Amino acid sequence: MSEIPKDPAGVEMYEKVLGQPEPADRPLTGIREPSINHLFAKIWTRPGLGIRDRRLITIALLVAQGRPDQLKSHIRGALTGEDRLTKDELLELMIHVAHYAGWAAGASGQGIALAVFKEHET
């Protein structure tokens, strides 16, 4: 199987959004190819919304869907990446989501956020 090239725009946006380098040594296999070459290269770069707006939407949806692993990555990125969110903004987001997606979702999201805040401090 030949290696699929990474779209440079996707790599750049991945790093802006998640606040960490895209692993250069990992080939684009499985879900990684559309994540880098479509989601980050084509969707996150669209002109209609900025990174901050997309970040808020993405985190809210991950909380509502109960996706803890992806939520952790996006909260880390929100604290360190481009167009950062504050801890207070992230906690306020969890309260807002709880009222639309259910109390358990908001409480779980808050717990994940607090754990990421703690690891971010060390």
Protein backbone atom coordinates (compact mmCIF):
# COMPACT_ATOMS: atom_id res chain seq x y z
CA MET A 1 0.00 0.00 0.00
CA SER A 2 1.45 3.38 -0.98
CA GLU A 3 1.64 6.16 1.57
CA ILE A 4 -0.96 8.92 1.22
CA PRO A 5 0.55 12.42 1.33
CA LYS A 6 -0.53 14.77 4.11
CA ASP A 7 -2.14 18.04 3.06
CA PRO A 8 0.10 20.79 4.54
CA ALA A 9 -2.99 22.92 5.29
CA GLY A 10 -4.42 20.02 7.30
CA VAL A 11 -1.21 19.53 9.26
CA GLU A 12 -1.00 23.27 10.02
CA MET A 13 -4.62 23.46 11.19
CA TYR A 14 -4.29 20.25 13.25
CA GLU A 15 -1.42 21.89 15.13
CA LYS A 16 -3.34 25.16 15.62
CA VAL A 17 -6.46 23.39 16.88
CA LEU A 18 -4.90 20.71 19.07
CA GLY A 19 -1.90 22.76 20.22
CA GLN A 20 0.61 20.02 19.48
CA PRO A 21 2.63 18.82 16.50
CA GLU A 22 0.97 16.39 14.15
CA PRO A 23 2.96 13.14 14.50
CA ALA A 24 5.14 13.26 11.38
CA ASP A 25 6.19 9.63 11.77
CA ARG A 26 2.61 8.27 11.68
CA PRO A 27 1.32 7.39 8.21
CA LEU A 28 -2.14 8.48 7.13
CA THR A 29 -3.97 5.20 7.55
CA GLY A 30 -7.57 4.53 8.46
CA ILE A 31 -9.42 7.50 9.93
CA ARG A 32 -6.28 9.68 10.07
CA GLU A 33 -6.33 10.41 6.33
CA PRO A 34 -9.77 12.06 6.22
CA SER A 35 -9.07 13.70 9.59
CA ILE A 36 -5.96 15.50 8.34
CA ASN A 37 -6.72 15.86 4.63
CA HIS A 38 -10.42 16.71 4.90
CA LEU A 39 -11.54 17.72 8.40
CA PHE A 40 -8.54 19.88 9.29
CA ALA A 41 -7.55 20.91 5.72
CA LYS A 42 -11.01 21.61 4.31
CA ILE A 43 -13.52 22.07 7.15
CA TRP A 44 -11.58 23.86 9.92
CA THR A 45 -10.14 26.26 7.30
CA ARG A 46 -13.48 27.36 5.84
CA PRO A 47 -14.05 31.13 6.06
CA GLY A 48 -17.52 31.15 7.68
CA LEU A 49 -16.37 30.57 11.28
CA GLY A 50 -13.11 31.21 13.09
CA ILE A 51 -11.08 28.70 15.06
CA ARG A 52 -12.55 29.90 18.36
CA ASP A 53 -16.14 29.41 17.15
CA ARG A 54 -15.40 25.99 15.70
CA ARG A 55 -13.58 25.06 18.91
CA LEU A 56 -16.64 25.91 21.05
CA ILE A 57 -18.95 23.97 18.73
CA THR A 58 -16.65 20.95 18.62
CA ILE A 59 -16.19 20.78 22.38
CA ALA A 60 -19.94 21.15 22.97
CA LEU A 61 -20.68 18.34 20.51
CA LEU A 62 -18.04 16.04 22.00
CA VAL A 63 -19.52 16.61 25.47
CA ALA A 64 -23.04 15.95 24.18
CA GLN A 65 -21.92 12.77 22.39
CA GLY A 66 -19.94 11.46 25.37
CA ARG A 67 -16.59 11.25 23.53
CA PRO A 68 -14.03 11.57 26.36
CA ASP A 69 -10.83 10.84 24.42
CA GLN A 70 -11.51 13.37 21.68
CA LEU A 71 -12.85 15.83 24.26
CA LYS A 72 -9.57 15.67 26.21
CA SER A 73 -7.60 16.41 23.04
CA HIS A 74 -9.77 19.39 22.16
CA ILE A 75 -9.72 20.80 25.70
CA ARG A 76 -5.91 20.52 25.72
CA GLY A 77 -5.88 22.34 22.40
CA ALA A 78 -8.27 24.97 23.72
CA LEU A 79 -5.84 25.72 26.54
CA THR A 80 -2.68 25.76 24.41
CA GLY A 81 -3.57 26.16 20.74
CA GLU A 82 -4.47 29.18 18.64
CA ASP A 83 -7.53 31.22 19.71
CA ARG A 84 -7.45 29.76 23.21
CA LEU A 85 -10.34 29.44 25.62
CA THR A 86 -9.98 30.16 29.32
CA LYS A 87 -10.73 27.60 32.01
CA ASP A 88 -13.71 29.71 33.08
CA GLU A 89 -15.07 29.73 29.52
CA LEU A 90 -14.70 25.96 29.27
CA LEU A 91 -16.51 25.40 32.58
CA GLU A 92 -19.27 27.79 31.51
CA LEU A 93 -19.59 25.81 28.29
CA MET A 94 -20.17 22.63 30.34
CA ILE A 95 -22.99 24.32 32.26
CA HIS A 96 -24.59 25.46 29.02
CA VAL A 97 -24.26 22.03 27.40
CA ALA A 98 -25.74 20.34 30.49
CA HIS A 99 -29.00 22.20 29.96
CA TYR A 100 -29.30 21.12 26.33
CA ALA A 101 -27.63 17.70 26.23
CA GLY A 102 -28.38 16.46 29.73
CA TRP A 103 -26.97 16.93 33.18
CA ALA A 104 -24.86 13.77 33.03
CA ALA A 105 -23.19 14.94 29.80
CA GLY A 106 -22.37 18.34 31.28
CA ALA A 107 -21.12 16.84 34.54
CA SER A 108 -18.95 14.34 32.68
CA GLY A 109 -17.58 17.12 30.48
CA GLN A 110 -16.78 19.21 33.54
CA GLY A 111 -14.99 16.28 35.17
CA ILE A 112 -12.90 15.74 32.04
CA ALA A 113 -12.14 19.46 31.80
CA LEU A 114 -11.03 19.61 35.45
CA ALA A 115 -8.74 16.60 34.93
CA VAL A 116 -7.18 18.24 31.86
CA PHE A 117 -6.76 21.51 33.79
CA LYS A 118 -4.91 19.61 36.52
CA GLU A 119 -2.55 17.88 34.07
CA HIS A 120 -2.04 21.20 32.27
CA GLU A 121 -0.79 22.81 35.50
CA THR A 122 1.97 20.23 36.00
